[in-house]
Amino acid sequence: MQLEFFDVPSPCVGVCQSDEKGYCLGCMRSRDERQKWQAFDSDKKQKVIKLCIQRKKRKQNKASKDLIVKSEETSLEENETVQQPSLLDPPSKPVLAQSSDLDFGDFEL
């Protein structure tokens, strides 16, 4: 192990609110990790910081996946409003434009 000249600083950013799993929204430490931070040695502190980085990445990945799922759900809901005609219904006749602006004078077969 390397010689440590400086103590590992706390990752606290001053947010101090917990998410639904109990991790701090600012530093991603658990309650136990926050309370025992001063008692941890440098090696344990570095491990906690690595865990916090992993937790933050997982949370960001989950948030981006949730955003993709929500956008897919809204696009599905929009598509549900358009109803596909039944195969048993008689075919509808196409509506042709009734315009007199058509000029076939230069048309040759």
PDB file of N, CA and C in Angstrom:
ATOM      1  N   MET A   1       0.827  -1.180   0.000  1.00  0.00           N
ATOM      2  CA  MET A   1       0.000   0.000   0.000  1.00  0.00           C
ATOM      3  C   MET A   1       0.872   1.245   0.000  1.00  0.00           C
ATOM      4  N   GLN A   2       0.376   2.309  -0.668  1.00  0.00           N
ATOM      5  CA  GLN A   2       1.120   3.559  -0.729  1.00  0.00           C
ATOM      6  C   GLN A   2       1.102   4.284   0.608  1.00  0.00           C
ATOM      7  N   LEU A   3       2.132   5.082   0.805  1.00  0.00           N
ATOM      8  CA  LEU A   3       2.130   5.933   1.980  1.00  0.00           C
ATOM      9  C   LEU A   3       1.158   7.077   1.762  1.00  0.00           C
ATOM     10  N   GLU A   4       0.374   7.351   2.754  1.00  0.00           N
ATOM     11  CA  GLU A   4      -0.615   8.428   2.666  1.00  0.00           C
ATOM     12  C   GLU A   4      -0.089   9.628   3.452  1.00  0.00           C
ATOM     13  N   PHE A   5       0.045  10.757   2.769  1.00  0.00           N
ATOM     14  CA  PHE A   5       0.486  11.965   3.450  1.00  0.00           C
ATOM     15  C   PHE A   5      -0.686  12.822   3.917  1.00  0.00           C
ATOM     16  N   PHE A   6      -1.813  12.703   3.191  1.00  0.00           N
ATOM     17  CA  PHE A   6      -2.972  13.523   3.522  1.00  0.00           C
ATOM     18  C   PHE A   6      -4.173  12.622   3.773  1.00  0.00           C
ATOM     19  N   ASP A   7      -5.031  13.068   4.650  1.00  0.00           N
ATOM     20  CA  ASP A   7      -6.256  12.338   4.935  1.00  0.00           C
ATOM     21  C   ASP A   7      -7.211  12.481   3.747  1.00  0.00           C
ATOM     22  N   VAL A   8      -8.001  11.452   3.512  1.00  0.00           N
ATOM     23  CA  VAL A   8      -8.976  11.475   2.423  1.00  0.00           C
ATOM     24  C   VAL A   8     -10.110  12.410   2.835  1.00  0.00           C
ATOM     25  N   PRO A   9     -10.385  13.446   2.008  1.00  0.00           N
ATOM     26  CA  PRO A   9     -11.442  14.393   2.390  1.00  0.00           C
ATOM     27  C   PRO A   9     -12.829  13.777   2.230  1.00  0.00           C
ATOM     28  N   SER A  10     -13.745  14.317   2.976  1.00  0.00           N
ATOM     29  CA  SER A  10     -15.126  13.855   2.912  1.00  0.00           C
ATOM     30  C   SER A  10     -15.728  14.244   1.556  1.00  0.00           C
ATOM     31  N   PRO A  11     -16.508  13.352   0.937  1.00  0.00           N
ATOM     32  CA  PRO A  11     -17.135  13.686  -0.344  1.00  0.00           C
ATOM     33  C   PRO A  11     -18.386  14.544  -0.195  1.00  0.00           C
ATOM     34  N   CYS A  12     -18.688  14.977   1.010  1.00  0.00           N
ATOM     35  CA  CYS A  12     -19.902  15.749   1.277  1.00  0.00           C
ATOM     36  C   CYS A  12     -19.894  17.041   0.465  1.00  0.00           C
ATOM     37  N   VAL A  13     -21.051  17.329  -0.178  1.00  0.00           N
ATOM     38  CA  VAL A  13     -21.204  18.574  -0.938  1.00  0.00           C
ATOM     39  C   VAL A  13     -22.247  19.477  -0.302  1.00  0.00           C
ATOM     40  N   GLY A  14     -22.749  19.109   0.863  1.00  0.00           N
ATOM     41  CA  GLY A  14     -23.661  19.955   1.606  1.00  0.00           C
ATOM     42  C   GLY A  14     -25.125  19.837   1.226  1.00  0.00           C
ATOM     43  N   VAL A  15     -25.509  18.805   0.491  1.00  0.00           N
ATOM     44  CA  VAL A  15     -26.912  18.630   0.124  1.00  0.00           C
ATOM     45  C   VAL A  15     -27.677  17.984   1.275  1.00  0.00           C
ATOM     46  N   CYS A  16     -27.166  16.918   1.824  1.00  0.00           N
ATOM     47  CA  CYS A  16     -27.687  16.266   3.028  1.00  0.00           C
ATOM     48  C   CYS A  16     -29.172  15.934   2.996  1.00  0.00           C
ATOM     49  N   GLN A  17     -29.596  15.285   1.925  1.00  0.00           N
ATOM     50  CA  GLN A  17     -30.944  14.741   1.811  1.00  0.00           C
ATOM     51  C   GLN A  17     -30.808  13.311   1.323  1.00  0.00           C
ATOM     52  N   SER A  18     -31.700  12.448   1.763  1.00  0.00           N
ATOM     53  CA  SER A  18     -31.621  11.038   1.386  1.00  0.00           C
ATOM     54  C   SER A  18     -32.604  10.716   0.275  1.00  0.00           C
ATOM     55  N   ASP A  19     -32.210   9.780  -0.595  1.00  0.00           N
ATOM     56  CA  ASP A  19     -33.122   9.305  -1.635  1.00  0.00           C
ATOM     57  C   ASP A  19     -33.953   8.151  -1.083  1.00  0.00           C
ATOM     58  N   GLU A  20     -34.708   7.476  -1.959  1.00  0.00           N
ATOM     59  CA  GLU A  20     -35.598   6.405  -1.523  1.00  0.00           C
ATOM     60  C   GLU A  20     -34.857   5.197  -0.961  1.00  0.00           C
ATOM     61  N   LYS A  21     -33.576   5.035  -1.298  1.00  0.00           N
ATOM     62  CA  LYS A  21     -32.790   3.913  -0.776  1.00  0.00           C
ATOM     63  C   LYS A  21     -31.973   4.286   0.455  1.00  0.00           C
ATOM     64  N   GLY A  22     -32.008   5.544   0.854  1.00  0.00           N
ATOM     65  CA  GLY A  22     -31.278   5.975   2.037  1.00  0.00           C
ATOM     66  C   GLY A  22     -29.910   6.550   1.756  1.00  0.00           C
ATOM     67  N   TYR A  23     -29.546   6.697   0.494  1.00  0.00           N
ATOM     68  CA  TYR A  23     -28.257   7.289   0.141  1.00  0.00           C
ATOM     69  C   TYR A  23     -28.413   8.801   0.044  1.00  0.00           C
ATOM     70  N   CYS A  24     -27.369   9.513   0.434  1.00  0.00           N
ATOM     71  CA  CYS A  24     -27.369  10.966   0.371  1.00  0.00           C
ATOM     72  C   CYS A  24     -27.431  11.404  -1.094  1.00  0.00           C
ATOM     73  N   LEU A  25     -28.288  12.376  -1.400  1.00  0.00           N
ATOM     74  CA  LEU A  25     -28.409  12.857  -2.783  1.00  0.00           C
ATOM     75  C   LEU A  25     -27.166  13.608  -3.239  1.00  0.00           C
ATOM     76  N   GLY A  26     -26.383  14.134  -2.306  1.00  0.00           N
ATOM     77  CA  GLY A  26     -25.185  14.882  -2.659  1.00  0.00           C
ATOM     78  C   GLY A  26     -23.966  14.011  -2.875  1.00  0.00           C
ATOM     79  N   CYS A  27     -23.665  13.147  -1.901  1.00  0.00           N
ATOM     80  CA  CYS A  27     -22.422  12.366  -1.964  1.00  0.00           C
ATOM     81  C   CYS A  27     -22.651  10.869  -2.195  1.00  0.00           C
ATOM     82  N   MET A  28     -23.891  10.413  -2.120  1.00  0.00           N
ATOM     83  CA  MET A  28     -24.276   9.012  -2.343  1.00  0.00           C
ATOM     84  C   MET A  28     -23.751   8.055  -1.267  1.00  0.00           C
ATOM     85  N   ARG A  29     -23.426   8.579  -0.080  1.00  0.00           N
ATOM     86  CA  ARG A  29     -23.035   7.696   1.014  1.00  0.00           C
ATOM     87  C   ARG A  29     -24.277   7.247   1.770  1.00  0.00           C
ATOM     88  N   SER A  30     -24.182   6.058   2.352  1.00  0.00           N
ATOM     89  CA  SER A  30     -25.276   5.574   3.199  1.00  0.00           C
ATOM     90  C   SER A  30     -25.223   6.319   4.532  1.00  0.00           C
ATOM     91  N   ARG A  31     -26.260   6.161   5.306  1.00  0.00           N
ATOM     92  CA  ARG A  31     -26.305   6.830   6.610  1.00  0.00           C
ATOM     93  C   ARG A  31     -25.160   6.343   7.500  1.00  0.00           C
ATOM     94  N   ASP A  32     -24.926   5.053   7.484  1.00  0.00           N
ATOM     95  CA  ASP A  32     -23.858   4.458   8.285  1.00  0.00           C
ATOM     96  C   ASP A  32     -22.492   5.001   7.852  1.00  0.00           C
ATOM     97  N   GLU A  33     -22.284   5.116   6.543  1.00  0.00           N
ATOM     98  CA  GLU A  33     -21.010   5.634   6.030  1.00  0.00           C
ATOM     99  C   GLU A  33     -20.814   7.104   6.419  1.00  0.00           C
ATOM    100  N   ARG A  34     -21.891   7.864   6.425  1.00  0.00           N
ATOM    101  CA  ARG A  34     -21.783   9.281   6.824  1.00  0.00           C
ATOM    102  C   ARG A  34     -21.457   9.405   8.305  1.00  0.00           C
ATOM    103  N   GLN A  35     -22.102   8.590   9.130  1.00  0.00           N
ATOM    104  CA  GLN A  35     -21.900   8.695  10.576  1.00  0.00           C
ATOM    105  C   GLN A  35     -20.518   8.212  11.010  1.00  0.00           C
ATOM    106  N   LYS A  36     -20.001   7.195  10.360  1.00  0.00           N
ATOM    107  CA  LYS A  36     -18.729   6.600  10.777  1.00  0.00           C
ATOM    108  C   LYS A  36     -17.529   7.116   9.978  1.00  0.00           C
ATOM    109  N   TRP A  37     -17.724   8.134   9.147  1.00  0.00           N
ATOM    110  CA  TRP A  37     -16.655   8.616   8.264  1.00  0.00           C
ATOM    111  C   TRP A  37     -15.380   8.959   9.033  1.00  0.00           C
ATOM    112  N   GLN A  38     -15.494   9.652  10.141  1.00  0.00           N
ATOM    113  CA  GLN A  38     -14.321  10.074  10.901  1.00  0.00           C
ATOM    114  C   GLN A  38     -13.552   8.889  11.491  1.00  0.00           C
ATOM    115  N   ALA A  39     -14.231   7.789  11.757  1.00  0.00           N
ATOM    116  CA  ALA A  39     -13.576   6.617  12.350  1.00  0.00           C
ATOM    117  C   ALA A  39     -12.900   5.732  11.307  1.00  0.00           C
ATOM    118  N   PHE A  40     -13.261   5.904  10.013  1.00  0.00           N
ATOM    119  CA  PHE A  40     -12.685   5.066   8.954  1.00  0.00           C
ATOM    120  C   PHE A  40     -11.219   5.430   8.738  1.00  0.00           C
ATOM    121  N   ASP A  41     -10.401   4.401   8.394  1.00  0.00           N
ATOM    122  CA  ASP A  41      -9.031   4.674   7.981  1.00  0.00           C
ATOM    123  C   ASP A  41      -9.049   5.084   6.497  1.00  0.00           C
ATOM    124  N   SER A  42      -7.911   5.506   5.978  1.00  0.00           N
ATOM    125  CA  SER A  42      -7.837   6.031   4.610  1.00  0.00           C
ATOM    126  C   SER A  42      -8.270   4.999   3.566  1.00  0.00           C
ATOM    127  N   ASP A  43      -7.887   3.742   3.777  1.00  0.00           N
ATOM    128  CA  ASP A  43      -8.256   2.686   2.833  1.00  0.00           C
ATOM    129  C   ASP A  43      -9.775   2.516   2.766  1.00  0.00           C
ATOM    130  N   LYS A  44     -10.426   2.492   3.918  1.00  0.00           N
ATOM    131  CA  LYS A  44     -11.882   2.350   3.974  1.00  0.00           C
ATOM    132  C   LYS A  44     -12.564   3.569   3.341  1.00  0.00           C
ATOM    133  N   LYS A  45     -12.023   4.760   3.574  1.00  0.00           N
ATOM    134  CA  LYS A  45     -12.591   5.971   2.988  1.00  0.00           C
ATOM    135  C   LYS A  45     -12.516   5.923   1.458  1.00  0.00           C
ATOM    136  N   GLN A  46     -11.399   5.454   0.932  1.00  0.00           N
ATOM    137  CA  GLN A  46     -11.261   5.354  -0.531  1.00  0.00           C
ATOM    138  C   GLN A  46     -12.243   4.339  -1.106  1.00  0.00           C
ATOM    139  N   LYS A  47     -12.456   3.238  -0.384  1.00  0.00           N
ATOM    140  CA  LYS A  47     -13.437   2.244  -0.833  1.00  0.00           C
ATOM    141  C   LYS A  47     -14.845   2.820  -0.842  1.00  0.00           C
ATOM    142  N   VAL A  48     -15.170   3.607   0.180  1.00  0.00           N
ATOM    143  CA  VAL A  48     -16.493   4.235   0.253  1.00  0.00           C
ATOM    144  C   VAL A  48     -16.668   5.210  -0.915  1.00  0.00           C
ATOM    145  N   ILE A  49     -15.632   5.972  -1.224  1.00  0.00           N
ATOM    146  CA  ILE A  49     -15.723   6.916  -2.343  1.00  0.00           C
ATOM    147  C   ILE A  49     -15.935   6.175  -3.658  1.00  0.00           C
ATOM    148  N   LYS A  50     -15.257   5.043  -3.857  1.00  0.00           N
ATOM    149  CA  LYS A  50     -15.466   4.244  -5.072  1.00  0.00           C
ATOM    150  C   LYS A  50     -16.892   3.715  -5.137  1.00  0.00           C
ATOM    151  N   LEU A  51     -17.415   3.289  -3.987  1.00  0.00           N
ATOM    152  CA  LEU A  51     -18.812   2.835  -3.944  1.00  0.00           C
ATOM    153  C   LEU A  51     -19.768   3.975  -4.302  1.00  0.00           C
ATOM    154  N   CYS A  52     -19.467   5.164  -3.804  1.00  0.00           N
ATOM    155  CA  CYS A  52     -20.316   6.325  -4.090  1.00  0.00           C
ATOM    156  C   CYS A  52     -20.328   6.649  -5.581  1.00  0.00           C
ATOM    157  N   ILE A  53     -19.174   6.546  -6.213  1.00  0.00           N
ATOM    158  CA  ILE A  53     -19.083   6.792  -7.659  1.00  0.00           C
ATOM    159  C   ILE A  53     -19.911   5.763  -8.415  1.00  0.00           C
ATOM    160  N   GLN A  54     -19.826   4.491  -8.012  1.00  0.00           N
ATOM    161  CA  GLN A  54     -20.616   3.439  -8.662  1.00  0.00           C
ATOM    162  C   GLN A  54     -22.113   3.681  -8.463  1.00  0.00           C
ATOM    163  N   ARG A  55     -22.504   4.080  -7.263  1.00  0.00           N
ATOM    164  CA  ARG A  55     -23.921   4.342  -6.990  1.00  0.00           C
ATOM    165  C   ARG A  55     -24.444   5.492  -7.852  1.00  0.00           C
ATOM    166  N   LYS A  56     -23.623   6.528  -7.977  1.00  0.00           N
ATOM    167  CA  LYS A  56     -24.034   7.680  -8.774  1.00  0.00           C
ATOM    168  C   LYS A  56     -24.210   7.292 -10.238  1.00  0.00           C
ATOM    169  N   LYS A  57     -23.288   6.490 -10.770  1.00  0.00           N
ATOM    170  CA  LYS A  57     -23.403   6.034 -12.162  1.00  0.00           C
ATOM    171  C   LYS A  57     -24.653   5.187 -12.366  1.00  0.00           C
ATOM    172  N   ARG A  58     -24.919   4.280 -11.418  1.00  0.00           N
ATOM    173  CA  ARG A  58     -26.124   3.448 -11.521  1.00  0.00           C
ATOM    174  C   ARG A  58     -27.382   4.293 -11.494  1.00  0.00           C
ATOM    175  N   LYS A  59     -27.393   5.296 -10.631  1.00  0.00           N
ATOM    176  CA  LYS A  59     -28.564   6.166 -10.521  1.00  0.00           C
ATOM    177  C   LYS A  59     -28.758   6.964 -11.812  1.00  0.00           C
ATOM    178  N   GLN A  60     -27.666   7.449 -12.400  1.00  0.00           N
ATOM    179  CA  GLN A  60     -27.769   8.193 -13.657  1.00  0.00           C
ATOM    180  C   GLN A  60     -28.238   7.285 -14.789  1.00  0.00           C
ATOM    181  N   ASN A  61     -27.724   6.057 -14.844  1.00  0.00           N
ATOM    182  CA  ASN A  61     -28.153   5.110 -15.876  1.00  0.00           C
ATOM    183  C   ASN A  61     -29.626   4.768 -15.719  1.00  0.00           C
ATOM    184  N   LYS A  62     -30.064   4.575 -14.491  1.00  0.00           N
ATOM    185  CA  LYS A  62     -31.473   4.271 -14.242  1.00  0.00           C
ATOM    186  C   LYS A  62     -32.354   5.438 -14.656  1.00  0.00           C
ATOM    187  N   ALA A  63     -31.892   6.655 -14.350  1.00  0.00           N
ATOM    188  CA  ALA A  63     -32.679   7.837 -14.715  1.00  0.00           C
ATOM    189  C   ALA A  63     -32.790   7.971 -16.225  1.00  0.00           C
ATOM    190  N   SER A  64     -31.701   7.696 -16.942  1.00  0.00           N
ATOM    191  CA  SER A  64     -31.769   7.805 -18.403  1.00  0.00           C
ATOM    192  C   SER A  64     -32.635   6.697 -18.987  1.00  0.00           C
ATOM    193  N   LYS A  65     -32.582   5.487 -18.400  1.00  0.00           N
ATOM    194  CA  LYS A  65     -33.442   4.400 -18.884  1.00  0.00           C
ATOM    195  C   LYS A  65     -34.905   4.711 -18.609  1.00  0.00           C
ATOM    196  N   ASP A  66     -35.193   5.288 -17.433  1.00  0.00           N
ATOM    197  CA  ASP A  66     -36.567   5.669 -17.105  1.00  0.00           C
ATOM    198  C   ASP A  66     -37.085   6.721 -18.071  1.00  0.00           C
ATOM    199  N   LEU A  67     -36.207   7.637 -18.468  1.00  0.00           N
ATOM    200  CA  LEU A  67     -36.604   8.680 -19.407  1.00  0.00           C
ATOM    201  C   LEU A  67     -36.931   8.067 -20.761  1.00  0.00           C
ATOM    202  N   ILE A  68     -36.151   7.089 -21.200  1.00  0.00           N
ATOM    203  CA  ILE A  68     -36.407   6.410 -22.475  1.00  0.00           C
ATOM    204  C   ILE A  68     -37.723   5.650 -22.407  1.00  0.00           C
ATOM    205  N   VAL A  69     -37.953   4.941 -21.314  1.00  0.00           N
ATOM    206  CA  VAL A  69     -39.196   4.175 -21.153  1.00  0.00           C
ATOM    207  C   VAL A  69     -40.399   5.108 -21.154  1.00  0.00           C
ATOM    208  N   LYS A  70     -40.295   6.248 -20.460  1.00  0.00           N
ATOM    209  CA  LYS A  70     -41.408   7.200 -20.422  1.00  0.00           C
ATOM    210  C   LYS A  70     -41.695   7.751 -21.808  1.00  0.00           C
ATOM    211  N   SER A  71     -40.644   8.055 -22.583  1.00  0.00           N
ATOM    212  CA  SER A  71     -40.871   8.591 -23.924  1.00  0.00           C
ATOM    213  C   SER A  71     -41.490   7.530 -24.827  1.00  0.00           C
ATOM    214  N   GLU A  72     -41.104   6.263 -24.641  1.00  0.00           N
ATOM    215  CA  GLU A  72     -41.713   5.182 -25.422  1.00  0.00           C
ATOM    216  C   GLU A  72     -43.175   4.996 -25.027  1.00  0.00           C
ATOM    217  N   GLU A  73     -43.474   5.126 -23.734  1.00  0.00           N
ATOM    218  CA  GLU A  73     -44.857   4.978 -23.282  1.00  0.00           C
ATOM    219  C   GLU A  73     -45.738   6.089 -23.840  1.00  0.00           C
ATOM    220  N   THR A  74     -45.235   7.301 -23.857  1.00  0.00           N
ATOM    221  CA  THR A  74     -46.036   8.404 -24.384  1.00  0.00           C
ATOM    222  C   THR A  74     -46.236   8.260 -25.878  1.00  0.00           C
ATOM    223  N   SER A  75     -45.232   7.764 -26.589  1.00  0.00           N
ATOM    224  CA  SER A  75     -45.415   7.571 -28.025  1.00  0.00           C
ATOM    225  C   SER A  75     -46.397   6.429 -28.284  1.00  0.00           C
ATOM    226  N   LEU A  76     -46.400   5.408 -27.421  1.00  0.00           N
ATOM    227  CA  LEU A  76     -47.373   4.329 -27.562  1.00  0.00           C
ATOM    228  C   LEU A  76     -48.783   4.837 -27.287  1.00  0.00           C
ATOM    229  N   GLU A  77     -48.917   5.702 -26.278  1.00  0.00           N
ATOM    230  CA  GLU A  77     -50.231   6.257 -25.970  1.00  0.00           C
ATOM    231  C   GLU A  77     -50.739   7.113 -27.120  1.00  0.00           C
ATOM    232  N   GLU A  78     -49.849   7.850 -27.757  1.00  0.00           N
ATOM    233  CA  GLU A  78     -50.248   8.664 -28.904  1.00  0.00           C
ATOM    234  C   GLU A  78     -50.683   7.780 -30.064  1.00  0.00           C
ATOM    235  N   ASN A  79     -49.999   6.658 -30.244  1.00  0.00           N
ATOM    236  CA  ASN A  79     -50.346   5.749 -31.332  1.00  0.00           C
ATOM    237  C   ASN A  79     -51.647   5.008 -31.066  1.00  0.00           C
ATOM    238  N   GLU A  80     -51.996   4.836 -29.796  1.00  0.00           N
ATOM    239  CA  GLU A  80     -53.224   4.126 -29.463  1.00  0.00           C
ATOM    240  C   GLU A  80     -54.466   4.905 -29.871  1.00  0.00           C
ATOM    241  N   THR A  81     -54.352   6.210 -29.998  1.00  0.00           N
ATOM    242  CA  THR A  81     -55.510   7.013 -30.373  1.00  0.00           C
ATOM    243  C   THR A  81     -55.891   6.780 -31.833  1.00  0.00           C
ATOM    244  N   VAL A  82     -54.935   6.389 -32.661  1.00  0.00           N
ATOM    245  CA  VAL A  82     -55.217   6.086 -34.061  1.00  0.00           C
ATOM    246  C   VAL A  82     -55.655   4.631 -34.123  1.00  0.00           C
ATOM    247  N   GLN A  83     -56.876   4.394 -34.580  1.00  0.00           N
ATOM    248  CA  GLN A  83     -57.392   3.033 -34.616  1.00  0.00           C
ATOM    249  C   GLN A  83     -57.250   2.462 -36.019  1.00  0.00           C
ATOM    250  N   GLN A  84     -56.783   1.257 -36.061  1.00  0.00           N
ATOM    251  CA  GLN A  84     -56.643   0.564 -37.333  1.00  0.00           C
ATOM    252  C   GLN A  84     -58.011   0.027 -37.738  1.00  0.00           C
ATOM    253  N   PRO A  85     -58.399   0.194 -39.016  1.00  0.00           N
ATOM    254  CA  PRO A  85     -59.695  -0.318 -39.447  1.00  0.00           C
ATOM    255  C   PRO A  85     -59.724  -1.844 -39.414  1.00  0.00           C
ATOM    256  N   SER A  86     -60.900  -2.369 -39.205  1.00  0.00           N
ATOM    257  CA  SER A  86     -61.070  -3.811 -39.164  1.00  0.00           C
ATOM    258  C   SER A  86     -60.980  -4.384 -40.574  1.00  0.00           C
ATOM    259  N   LEU A  87     -60.487  -5.600 -40.673  1.00  0.00           N
ATOM    260  CA  LEU A  87     -60.431  -6.268 -41.976  1.00  0.00           C
ATOM    261  C   LEU A  87     -61.822  -6.638 -42.472  1.00  0.00           C
ATOM    262  N   LEU A  88     -62.800  -6.657 -41.573  1.00  0.00           N
ATOM    263  CA  LEU A  88     -64.160  -7.010 -41.939  1.00  0.00           C
ATOM    264  C   LEU A  88     -64.950  -5.818 -42.473  1.00  0.00           C
ATOM    265  N   ASP A  89     -64.453  -4.603 -42.243  1.00  0.00           N
ATOM    266  CA  ASP A  89     -65.128  -3.415 -42.755  1.00  0.00           C
ATOM    267  C   ASP A  89     -64.935  -3.320 -44.269  1.00  0.00           C
ATOM    268  N   PRO A  90     -65.925  -2.793 -44.980  1.00  0.00           N
ATOM    269  CA  PRO A  90     -65.737  -2.612 -46.424  1.00  0.00           C
ATOM    270  C   PRO A  90     -64.669  -1.553 -46.671  1.00  0.00           C
ATOM    271  N   PRO A  91     -63.893  -1.713 -47.727  1.00  0.00           N
ATOM    272  CA  PRO A  91     -62.837  -0.738 -47.997  1.00  0.00           C
ATOM    273  C   PRO A  91     -63.443   0.628 -48.294  1.00  0.00           C
ATOM    274  N   SER A  92     -62.813   1.636 -47.784  1.00  0.00           N
ATOM    275  CA  SER A  92     -63.294   2.985 -48.042  1.00  0.00           C
ATOM    276  C   SER A  92     -62.739   3.461 -49.380  1.00  0.00           C
ATOM    277  N   LYS A  93     -63.539   4.264 -50.073  1.00  0.00           N
ATOM    278  CA  LYS A  93     -63.128   4.782 -51.380  1.00  0.00           C
ATOM    279  C   LYS A  93     -62.201   5.968 -51.153  1.00  0.00           C
ATOM    280  N   PRO A  94     -61.098   6.016 -51.901  1.00  0.00           N
ATOM    281  CA  PRO A  94     -60.200   7.158 -51.739  1.00  0.00           C
ATOM    282  C   PRO A  94     -60.875   8.434 -52.250  1.00  0.00           C
ATOM    283  N   VAL A  95     -60.625   9.508 -51.571  1.00  0.00           N
ATOM    284  CA  VAL A  95     -61.182  10.795 -51.955  1.00  0.00           C
ATOM    285  C   VAL A  95     -60.198  11.480 -52.884  1.00  0.00           C
ATOM    286  N   LEU A  96     -60.660  11.783 -54.095  1.00  0.00           N
ATOM    287  CA  LEU A  96     -59.811  12.464 -55.059  1.00  0.00           C
ATOM    288  C   LEU A  96     -60.016  13.967 -54.940  1.00  0.00           C
ATOM    289  N   ALA A  97     -58.971  14.678 -55.159  1.00  0.00           N
ATOM    290  CA  ALA A  97     -59.059  16.129 -55.086  1.00  0.00           C
ATOM    291  C   ALA A  97     -59.857  16.639 -56.277  1.00  0.00           C
ATOM    292  N   GLN A  98     -60.794  17.496 -56.022  1.00  0.00           N
ATOM    293  CA  GLN A  98     -61.620  18.096 -57.058  1.00  0.00           C
ATOM    294  C   GLN A  98     -61.025  19.457 -57.399  1.00  0.00           C
ATOM    295  N   SER A  99     -59.992  19.426 -58.206  1.00  0.00           N
ATOM    296  CA  SER A  99     -59.335  20.672 -58.548  1.00  0.00           C
ATOM    297  C   SER A  99     -59.317  20.833 -60.047  1.00  0.00           C
ATOM    298  N   SER A 100     -59.558  22.011 -60.517  1.00  0.00           N
ATOM    299  CA  SER A 100     -59.539  22.290 -61.960  1.00  0.00           C
ATOM    300  C   SER A 100     -58.211  22.887 -62.375  1.00  0.00           C
ATOM    301  N   ASP A 101     -57.206  22.855 -61.501  1.00  0.00           N
ATOM    302  CA  ASP A 101     -55.900  23.432 -61.808  1.00  0.00           C
ATOM    303  C   ASP A 101     -55.017  22.474 -62.592  1.00  0.00           C
ATOM    304  N   LEU A 102     -55.505  21.259 -62.865  1.00  0.00           N
ATOM    305  CA  LEU A 102     -54.694  20.269 -63.548  1.00  0.00           C
ATOM    306  C   LEU A 102     -54.667  20.577 -65.051  1.00  0.00           C
ATOM    307  N   ASP A 103     -53.478  20.576 -65.612  1.00  0.00           N
ATOM    308  CA  ASP A 103     -53.319  20.844 -67.038  1.00  0.00           C
ATOM    309  C   ASP A 103     -52.600  19.669 -67.660  1.00  0.00           C
ATOM    310  N   PHE A 104     -53.301  18.924 -68.531  1.00  0.00           N
ATOM    311  CA  PHE A 104     -52.714  17.776 -69.185  1.00  0.00           C
ATOM    312  C   PHE A 104     -52.393  18.083 -70.644  1.00  0.00           C
ATOM    313  N   GLY A 105     -52.188  19.324 -71.001  1.00  0.00           N
ATOM    314  CA  GLY A 105     -51.973  19.708 -72.392  1.00  0.00           C
ATOM    315  C   GLY A 105     -50.684  19.155 -72.957  1.00  0.00           C
ATOM    316  N   ASP A 106     -49.621  19.019 -72.175  1.00  0.00           N
ATOM    317  CA  ASP A 106     -48.333  18.558 -72.684  1.00  0.00           C
ATOM    318  C   ASP A 106     -48.132  17.069 -72.437  1.00  0.00           C
ATOM    319  N   PHE A 107     -49.168  16.374 -72.003  1.00  0.00           N
ATOM    320  CA  PHE A 107     -49.059  14.970 -71.659  1.00  0.00           C
ATOM    321  C   PHE A 107     -49.141  14.117 -72.912  1.00  0.00           C
ATOM    322  N   GLU A 108     -48.186  13.189 -73.089  1.00  0.00           N
ATOM    323  CA  GLU A 108     -48.180  12.277 -74.234  1.00  0.00           C
ATOM    324  C   GLU A 108     -48.066  10.863 -73.747  1.00  0.00           C
ATOM    325  N   LEU A 109     -48.667   9.944 -74.494  1.00  0.00           N
ATOM    326  CA  LEU A 109     -48.551   8.524 -74.188  1.00  0.00           C
ATOM    327  C   LEU A 109     -47.547   7.872 -75.064  1.00  0.00           C
TER     328      LEU A 109
END
